[in-house]
C-alpha cells in the first residue's frame, strides 16, 4: 500500500465531473431583488439629498428677506468699551511696555515723596554709594 504524503492544506486532485443538469440554485438568492433594492436605495438617497438641498435654499432665501430692526439704544452704544479690567489684546506688547517702565524706574532719578524728601536713584548709583559710605552697623550692648 503506497501512501501519498501531501503538504498541509493540499488536496489530491479528484476527477472533475461535469453534469449539464447541475448549475446553481435559483431559489436560494434572488439576484434581481438584491440589485433592485440597491438601485432603489441609491435613487432614494439622491431624491432625499435633493429635497434637503431645496429646503436649505428656501431657508436661506427666507432669512435673507428678513430685516432685523436695529434697536436705538444699542446703536448709540456701538463704540462703548466694556468696564475695566478688560482683556489684553496684545499681551506681549503690554509686557514689553511694563518692562520698559520698570527699567526706566530702576535706571533714572525721581521723587518718591517730595514732602518727605524721599527720592529714588539708579541701582548702579545706589551700589556705588553703599560701597563708599558703608552699611550701618549694630551697636554692641554693654
N, C-alpha and C. Protein backbone atom coordinates (compact mmCIF):
# COMPACT_ATOMS: atom_id res chain seq x y z
N UNK A 1 0.83 -1.15 0.00
CA UNK A 1 0.00 0.00 0.00
C UNK A 1 0.89 1.23 0.00
N UNK A 2 0.76 1.99 -0.97
CA UNK A 2 1.59 3.20 -1.08
C UNK A 2 0.78 4.40 -0.63
N UNK A 3 1.36 5.12 0.28
CA UNK A 3 0.68 6.34 0.77
C UNK A 3 1.33 7.55 0.15
N UNK A 4 0.48 8.46 -0.21
CA UNK A 4 0.96 9.71 -0.80
C UNK A 4 0.92 10.78 0.28
N UNK A 5 2.05 11.38 0.56
CA UNK A 5 2.13 12.44 1.57
C UNK A 5 2.07 13.79 0.88
N UNK A 6 1.03 14.56 1.23
CA UNK A 6 0.85 15.91 0.65
C UNK A 6 1.15 16.96 1.71
N UNK A 7 1.62 18.11 1.27
CA UNK A 7 1.83 19.19 2.24
C UNK A 7 0.50 19.58 2.89
N UNK A 8 0.61 20.19 4.07
CA UNK A 8 -0.58 20.58 4.82
C UNK A 8 -1.42 21.55 3.99
N UNK A 9 -2.69 21.30 3.87
CA UNK A 9 -3.61 22.16 3.12
C UNK A 9 -3.75 21.78 1.66
N UNK A 10 -2.93 20.89 1.17
CA UNK A 10 -3.03 20.49 -0.24
C UNK A 10 -3.98 19.30 -0.34
N UNK A 11 -4.66 19.22 -1.44
CA UNK A 11 -5.62 18.14 -1.66
C UNK A 11 -5.23 17.39 -2.93
N UNK A 12 -5.52 16.14 -2.87
CA UNK A 12 -5.27 15.34 -4.07
C UNK A 12 -6.32 15.70 -5.10
N UNK A 13 -5.90 15.78 -6.33
CA UNK A 13 -6.85 16.15 -7.38
C UNK A 13 -7.83 15.01 -7.61
N UNK A 14 -9.08 15.43 -7.67
CA UNK A 14 -10.10 14.43 -7.95
C UNK A 14 -10.60 14.67 -9.37
N UNK A 15 -11.04 13.64 -10.01
CA UNK A 15 -11.52 13.84 -11.38
C UNK A 15 -12.76 14.74 -11.37
N UNK A 16 -12.83 15.66 -12.31
CA UNK A 16 -13.93 16.61 -12.39
C UNK A 16 -15.11 15.95 -13.09
N UNK A 17 -16.25 16.14 -12.48
CA UNK A 17 -17.45 15.57 -13.05
C UNK A 17 -18.29 16.71 -13.57
N UNK A 18 -18.52 16.77 -14.85
CA UNK A 18 -19.37 17.81 -15.44
C UNK A 18 -20.75 17.22 -15.69
N UNK A 19 -21.72 17.92 -15.15
CA UNK A 19 -23.09 17.47 -15.34
C UNK A 19 -23.85 18.64 -15.94
N UNK A 20 -24.44 18.48 -17.09
CA UNK A 20 -25.15 19.60 -17.71
C UNK A 20 -26.41 19.99 -16.93
N UNK A 21 -26.90 19.14 -16.08
CA UNK A 21 -28.12 19.46 -15.34
C UNK A 21 -27.84 20.27 -14.06
N UNK A 22 -26.59 20.30 -13.60
CA UNK A 22 -26.28 20.98 -12.34
C UNK A 22 -25.76 22.38 -12.66
N UNK A 23 -26.42 23.38 -12.10
CA UNK A 23 -25.99 24.78 -12.27
C UNK A 23 -25.98 25.42 -10.88
N UNK A 24 -26.86 26.37 -10.64
CA UNK A 24 -26.95 26.98 -9.31
C UNK A 24 -28.40 26.98 -8.86
N UNK A 25 -28.57 27.13 -7.60
CA UNK A 25 -29.90 27.12 -7.03
C UNK A 25 -30.52 28.49 -7.20
N UNK A 26 -31.59 28.59 -7.93
CA UNK A 26 -32.25 29.87 -8.15
C UNK A 26 -33.16 30.23 -6.98
N UNK A 27 -33.52 29.30 -6.18
CA UNK A 27 -34.46 29.57 -5.09
C UNK A 27 -33.76 30.14 -3.86
N UNK A 28 -32.44 30.01 -3.74
CA UNK A 28 -31.74 30.48 -2.54
C UNK A 28 -31.56 32.00 -2.53
N UNK A 29 -31.08 32.58 -3.60
CA UNK A 29 -30.78 34.01 -3.66
C UNK A 29 -31.46 34.60 -4.88
N UNK A 30 -32.20 35.69 -4.65
CA UNK A 30 -32.85 36.39 -5.75
C UNK A 30 -31.98 37.59 -6.11
N UNK A 31 -31.14 37.42 -7.12
CA UNK A 31 -30.20 38.46 -7.53
C UNK A 31 -30.95 39.69 -8.01
N UNK A 32 -32.01 39.52 -8.74
CA UNK A 32 -32.78 40.65 -9.27
C UNK A 32 -33.33 41.51 -8.12
N UNK A 33 -33.81 40.87 -7.05
CA UNK A 33 -34.33 41.63 -5.91
C UNK A 33 -33.22 42.40 -5.20
N UNK A 34 -32.04 41.81 -5.07
CA UNK A 34 -30.92 42.49 -4.41
C UNK A 34 -30.50 43.72 -5.21
N UNK A 35 -30.34 43.57 -6.52
CA UNK A 35 -29.96 44.72 -7.36
C UNK A 35 -31.08 45.77 -7.38
N UNK A 36 -32.31 45.33 -7.42
CA UNK A 36 -33.44 46.27 -7.39
C UNK A 36 -33.46 47.08 -6.10
N UNK A 37 -33.21 46.41 -4.97
CA UNK A 37 -33.17 47.11 -3.68
C UNK A 37 -32.02 48.11 -3.65
N UNK A 38 -30.85 47.72 -4.13
CA UNK A 38 -29.69 48.63 -4.15
C UNK A 38 -29.94 49.85 -5.01
N UNK A 39 -30.51 49.64 -6.19
CA UNK A 39 -30.81 50.77 -7.08
C UNK A 39 -31.88 51.67 -6.45
N UNK A 40 -32.90 51.06 -5.86
CA UNK A 40 -33.94 51.85 -5.18
C UNK A 40 -33.37 52.66 -4.02
N UNK A 41 -32.45 52.07 -3.27
CA UNK A 41 -31.82 52.78 -2.16
C UNK A 41 -30.99 53.96 -2.66
N UNK A 42 -30.25 53.77 -3.75
CA UNK A 42 -29.45 54.85 -4.32
C UNK A 42 -30.35 55.98 -4.82
N UNK A 43 -31.43 55.63 -5.51
CA UNK A 43 -32.37 56.65 -6.02
C UNK A 43 -33.00 57.40 -4.86
N UNK A 44 -33.40 56.68 -3.81
CA UNK A 44 -34.00 57.34 -2.64
C UNK A 44 -33.00 58.28 -1.99
N UNK A 45 -31.73 57.90 -1.90
CA UNK A 45 -30.71 58.78 -1.33
C UNK A 45 -30.54 60.05 -2.14
N UNK A 46 -30.55 59.92 -3.47
CA UNK A 46 -30.41 61.10 -4.34
C UNK A 46 -31.62 62.01 -4.20
N UNK A 47 -32.81 61.43 -4.18
CA UNK A 47 -34.04 62.24 -4.05
C UNK A 47 -34.06 62.96 -2.70
N UNK A 48 -33.71 62.27 -1.63
CA UNK A 48 -33.71 62.89 -0.30
C UNK A 48 -32.67 64.01 -0.24
N UNK A 49 -31.50 63.79 -0.81
CA UNK A 49 -30.47 64.84 -0.83
C UNK A 49 -30.96 66.06 -1.58
N UNK A 50 -31.63 65.86 -2.70
CA UNK A 50 -32.16 66.97 -3.48
C UNK A 50 -33.23 67.74 -2.69
N UNK A 51 -34.12 67.02 -2.00
CA UNK A 51 -35.16 67.67 -1.20
C UNK A 51 -34.54 68.48 -0.06
N UNK A 52 -33.53 67.95 0.60
CA UNK A 52 -32.86 68.69 1.67
C UNK A 52 -32.17 69.93 1.11
N UNK A 53 -31.55 69.82 -0.05
CA UNK A 53 -30.91 70.98 -0.69
C UNK A 53 -31.95 72.06 -0.99
N UNK A 54 -33.11 71.65 -1.53
CA UNK A 54 -34.18 72.63 -1.79
C UNK A 54 -34.65 73.29 -0.49
N UNK A 55 -34.76 72.51 0.57
CA UNK A 55 -35.18 73.05 1.86
C UNK A 55 -34.18 74.10 2.36
N UNK A 56 -32.90 73.83 2.23
CA UNK A 56 -31.89 74.81 2.65
C UNK A 56 -31.93 76.06 1.78
N UNK A 57 -32.18 75.90 0.49
CA UNK A 57 -32.31 77.08 -0.38
C UNK A 57 -33.49 77.94 0.07
N UNK A 58 -34.59 77.30 0.42
CA UNK A 58 -35.76 78.03 0.89
C UNK A 58 -35.44 78.78 2.19
N UNK A 59 -34.78 78.10 3.14
CA UNK A 59 -34.44 78.75 4.41
C UNK A 59 -33.50 79.93 4.19
N UNK A 60 -32.53 79.77 3.31
CA UNK A 60 -31.58 80.85 3.04
C UNK A 60 -32.28 82.06 2.44
N UNK A 61 -33.18 81.83 1.49
CA UNK A 61 -33.93 82.94 0.88
C UNK A 61 -34.81 83.62 1.91
N UNK A 62 -35.45 82.85 2.79
CA UNK A 62 -36.32 83.42 3.81
C UNK A 62 -35.53 84.26 4.80
N UNK A 63 -34.36 83.81 5.20
CA UNK A 63 -33.54 84.56 6.15
C UNK A 63 -32.97 85.82 5.52
N UNK A 64 -32.65 85.79 4.23
CA UNK A 64 -32.09 86.99 3.59
C UNK A 64 -33.15 88.07 3.43
N UNK A 65 -34.42 87.69 3.34
CA UNK A 65 -35.50 88.69 3.23
C UNK A 65 -35.84 89.30 4.58
N UNK A 66 -35.52 88.60 5.64
CA UNK A 66 -35.87 89.07 6.98
C UNK A 66 -34.97 90.26 7.34
N UNK A 67 -35.57 91.37 7.74
CA UNK A 67 -34.83 92.56 8.13
C UNK A 67 -34.87 92.65 9.65
N UNK A 68 -33.71 92.69 10.25
CA UNK A 68 -33.66 92.79 11.70
C UNK A 68 -33.74 94.26 12.10
N UNK A 69 -34.67 94.61 12.96
CA UNK A 69 -34.77 96.01 13.39
C UNK A 69 -33.59 96.36 14.29
N UNK A 70 -33.06 97.56 14.09
CA UNK A 70 -31.94 97.99 14.91
C UNK A 70 -32.48 98.74 16.11
N UNK A 71 -32.05 98.36 17.28
CA UNK A 71 -32.52 98.99 18.49
C UNK A 71 -31.79 100.32 18.69
N UNK A 72 -32.51 101.40 18.98
CA UNK A 72 -31.86 102.71 19.08
C UNK A 72 -30.84 102.78 20.23
N UNK A 73 -31.10 102.11 21.34
CA UNK A 73 -30.15 102.15 22.45
C UNK A 73 -28.86 101.41 22.10
N UNK A 74 -28.99 100.31 21.39
CA UNK A 74 -27.80 99.55 21.00
C UNK A 74 -26.99 100.30 19.96
N UNK A 75 -27.64 101.05 19.08
CA UNK A 75 -26.93 101.79 18.05
C UNK A 75 -26.11 102.92 18.67
N UNK A 76 -26.60 103.52 19.75
CA UNK A 76 -25.88 104.62 20.39
C UNK A 76 -24.64 104.12 21.13
N UNK A 77 -24.66 102.91 21.61
CA UNK A 77 -23.55 102.40 22.41
C UNK A 77 -22.63 101.49 21.60
N UNK A 78 -22.55 101.72 20.32
CA UNK A 78 -21.79 100.83 19.44
C UNK A 78 -20.30 100.82 19.79
N UNK A 79 -19.72 101.98 20.09
CA UNK A 79 -18.29 102.06 20.34
C UNK A 79 -17.94 102.11 21.83
N UNK A 80 -18.87 101.77 22.68
CA UNK A 80 -18.62 101.81 24.12
C UNK A 80 -17.76 100.62 24.54
N UNK A 81 -16.74 100.90 25.33
CA UNK A 81 -15.86 99.84 25.81
C UNK A 81 -16.45 99.18 27.05
N UNK A 82 -16.15 97.92 27.26
CA UNK A 82 -16.63 97.25 28.47
C UNK A 82 -15.89 97.79 29.69
N UNK A 83 -16.42 97.57 30.88
CA UNK A 83 -15.76 98.10 32.08
C UNK A 83 -14.42 97.41 32.34
N UNK A 84 -13.59 98.10 33.12
CA UNK A 84 -12.29 97.55 33.49
C UNK A 84 -12.48 96.36 34.42
N UNK A 85 -11.64 95.43 34.54
CA UNK A 85 -10.46 95.19 33.74
C UNK A 85 -10.83 94.50 32.43
N UNK A 86 -10.26 94.97 31.35
CA UNK A 86 -10.54 94.39 30.04
C UNK A 86 -9.47 93.35 29.70
N UNK A 87 -9.79 92.52 28.75
CA UNK A 87 -8.83 91.52 28.30
C UNK A 87 -7.70 92.19 27.53
N UNK A 88 -6.54 91.61 27.59
CA UNK A 88 -5.42 92.15 26.84
C UNK A 88 -5.57 91.78 25.37
N UNK A 89 -5.36 92.77 24.51
CA UNK A 89 -5.43 92.48 23.08
C UNK A 89 -4.07 92.04 22.56
N UNK A 90 -2.98 92.54 23.19
CA UNK A 90 -1.64 92.16 22.77
C UNK A 90 -0.78 91.98 24.02
N UNK A 91 -0.80 90.80 24.65
CA UNK A 91 -0.07 90.60 25.91
C UNK A 91 1.43 90.82 25.79
N UNK A 92 2.03 90.47 24.66
CA UNK A 92 3.48 90.63 24.51
C UNK A 92 3.86 92.11 24.52
N UNK A 93 3.07 92.93 23.81
CA UNK A 93 3.36 94.37 23.80
C UNK A 93 3.13 94.97 25.18
N UNK A 94 2.10 94.51 25.89
CA UNK A 94 1.85 95.01 27.24
C UNK A 94 3.00 94.65 28.18
N UNK A 95 3.53 93.43 28.06
CA UNK A 95 4.64 93.02 28.89
C UNK A 95 5.90 93.82 28.56
N UNK A 96 6.12 94.08 27.27
CA UNK A 96 7.28 94.88 26.87
C UNK A 96 7.16 96.30 27.42
N UNK A 97 5.96 96.88 27.39
CA UNK A 97 5.75 98.22 27.96
C UNK A 97 5.99 98.22 29.47
N UNK A 98 5.48 97.21 30.16
CA UNK A 98 5.68 97.11 31.60
C UNK A 98 7.16 97.01 31.95
N UNK A 99 7.89 96.17 31.23
CA UNK A 99 9.32 96.02 31.50
C UNK A 99 10.08 97.31 31.20
N UNK A 100 9.68 98.03 30.15
CA UNK A 100 10.32 99.31 29.84
C UNK A 100 10.06 100.33 30.96
N UNK A 101 8.84 100.36 31.48
CA UNK A 101 8.53 101.27 32.60
C UNK A 101 9.34 100.90 33.84
N UNK A 102 9.42 99.62 34.15
CA UNK A 102 10.19 99.19 35.32
C UNK A 102 11.67 99.52 35.15
N UNK A 103 12.18 99.31 33.95
CA UNK A 103 13.58 99.62 33.66
C UNK A 103 13.84 101.11 33.81
N UNK A 104 12.89 101.92 33.37
CA UNK A 104 13.00 103.38 33.49
C UNK A 104 13.04 103.78 34.97
N UNK A 105 12.19 103.16 35.78
CA UNK A 105 12.17 103.48 37.21
C UNK A 105 13.49 103.07 37.86
N UNK A 106 14.04 101.93 37.46
CA UNK A 106 15.27 101.44 38.09
C UNK A 106 16.52 102.21 37.65
N UNK A 107 16.49 102.87 36.50
CA UNK A 107 17.70 103.50 35.97
C UNK A 107 17.66 105.02 35.94
N UNK A 108 16.64 105.64 36.51
CA UNK A 108 16.56 107.11 36.49
C UNK A 108 16.34 107.65 37.90
N UNK A 109 16.58 108.95 38.02
CA UNK A 109 16.32 109.65 39.28
C UNK A 109 14.88 110.12 39.29
N UNK A 110 14.28 110.21 40.49
CA UNK A 110 12.93 110.72 40.59
C UNK A 110 12.47 110.82 42.03
N UNK A 111 11.41 111.55 42.22
CA UNK A 111 10.84 111.73 43.56
C UNK A 111 9.91 110.57 43.89
N UNK A 112 10.03 110.06 45.10
CA UNK A 112 9.06 109.10 45.62
C UNK A 112 8.04 109.85 46.46
N UNK A 113 8.53 110.70 47.38
CA UNK A 113 7.66 111.55 48.20
C UNK A 113 8.36 112.89 48.37
N UNK A 114 7.88 113.91 47.66
CA UNK A 114 8.54 115.21 47.66
C UNK A 114 8.43 115.89 49.03
N UNK A 115 7.31 115.72 49.71
CA UNK A 115 7.11 116.36 51.02
C UNK A 115 8.08 115.79 52.05
N UNK A 116 8.31 114.49 51.99
CA UNK A 116 9.22 113.86 52.95
C UNK A 116 10.65 113.84 52.45
N UNK A 117 10.90 114.42 51.29
CA UNK A 117 12.24 114.47 50.66
C UNK A 117 12.81 113.07 50.44
N UNK A 118 11.98 112.18 49.91
CA UNK A 118 12.42 110.81 49.59
C UNK A 118 12.54 110.71 48.08
N UNK A 119 13.73 110.30 47.61
CA UNK A 119 13.98 110.20 46.17
C UNK A 119 14.38 108.77 45.83
N UNK A 120 14.38 108.51 44.56
CA UNK A 120 14.90 107.22 44.08
C UNK A 120 16.10 107.53 43.19
N UNK A 121 17.05 106.62 43.22
CA UNK A 121 18.24 106.78 42.39
C UNK A 121 18.46 105.48 41.65
N UNK A 122 19.23 105.50 40.56
CA UNK A 122 19.51 104.26 39.82
C UNK A 122 20.23 103.25 40.70
N UNK A 123 20.03 101.99 40.42
CA UNK A 123 20.60 100.90 41.22
C UNK A 123 22.13 100.96 41.22
N UNK A 124 22.73 101.19 40.07
CA UNK A 124 24.20 101.24 40.00
C UNK A 124 24.74 102.35 40.89
N UNK A 125 24.07 103.50 40.87
CA UNK A 125 24.49 104.62 41.70
C UNK A 125 24.32 104.29 43.19
N UNK A 126 23.22 103.62 43.54
CA UNK A 126 22.99 103.24 44.94
C UNK A 126 24.05 102.26 45.42
N UNK A 127 24.47 101.34 44.56
CA UNK A 127 25.50 100.37 44.95
C UNK A 127 26.84 101.09 45.16
N UNK A 128 27.17 102.06 44.32
CA UNK A 128 28.42 102.82 44.49
C UNK A 128 28.40 103.60 45.80
N UNK A 129 27.27 104.24 46.10
CA UNK A 129 27.16 104.99 47.35
C UNK A 129 27.26 104.08 48.57
N UNK A 130 26.69 102.88 48.47
CA UNK A 130 26.76 101.93 49.58
C UNK A 130 28.20 101.49 49.82
N UNK A 131 28.95 101.27 48.75
CA UNK A 131 30.35 100.87 48.90
C UNK A 131 31.15 102.02 49.51
N UNK A 132 30.90 103.26 49.07
CA UNK A 132 31.63 104.41 49.59
C UNK A 132 31.31 104.67 51.06
N UNK A 133 30.03 104.67 51.41
CA UNK A 133 29.60 105.06 52.76
C UNK A 133 29.58 103.87 53.73
N UNK A 134 29.41 102.68 53.18
CA UNK A 134 29.32 101.50 54.04
C UNK A 134 27.91 101.32 54.57
N UNK A 135 27.68 100.18 55.18
CA UNK A 135 26.37 99.86 55.73
C UNK A 135 26.36 100.19 57.22
N UNK A 136 25.21 100.56 57.76
CA UNK A 136 25.18 100.84 59.20
C UNK A 136 25.41 99.56 60.00
N UNK A 137 26.14 99.69 61.09
CA UNK A 137 26.44 98.53 61.94
C UNK A 137 25.63 98.62 63.22
N UNK A 138 25.41 97.48 63.85
CA UNK A 138 24.70 97.45 65.12
C UNK A 138 25.64 97.93 66.24
N UNK A 139 25.01 98.53 67.16
CA UNK A 139 25.79 98.92 68.33
C UNK A 139 25.80 97.74 69.30
N UNK A 140 26.94 97.54 69.90
CA UNK A 140 27.07 96.43 70.84
C UNK A 140 26.45 96.80 72.17
N UNK A 141 25.89 95.83 72.85
CA UNK A 141 25.32 96.03 74.18
C UNK A 141 26.44 96.04 75.21
N UNK A 142 26.26 96.90 76.16
CA UNK A 142 27.29 96.94 77.20
C UNK A 142 26.76 96.47 78.48
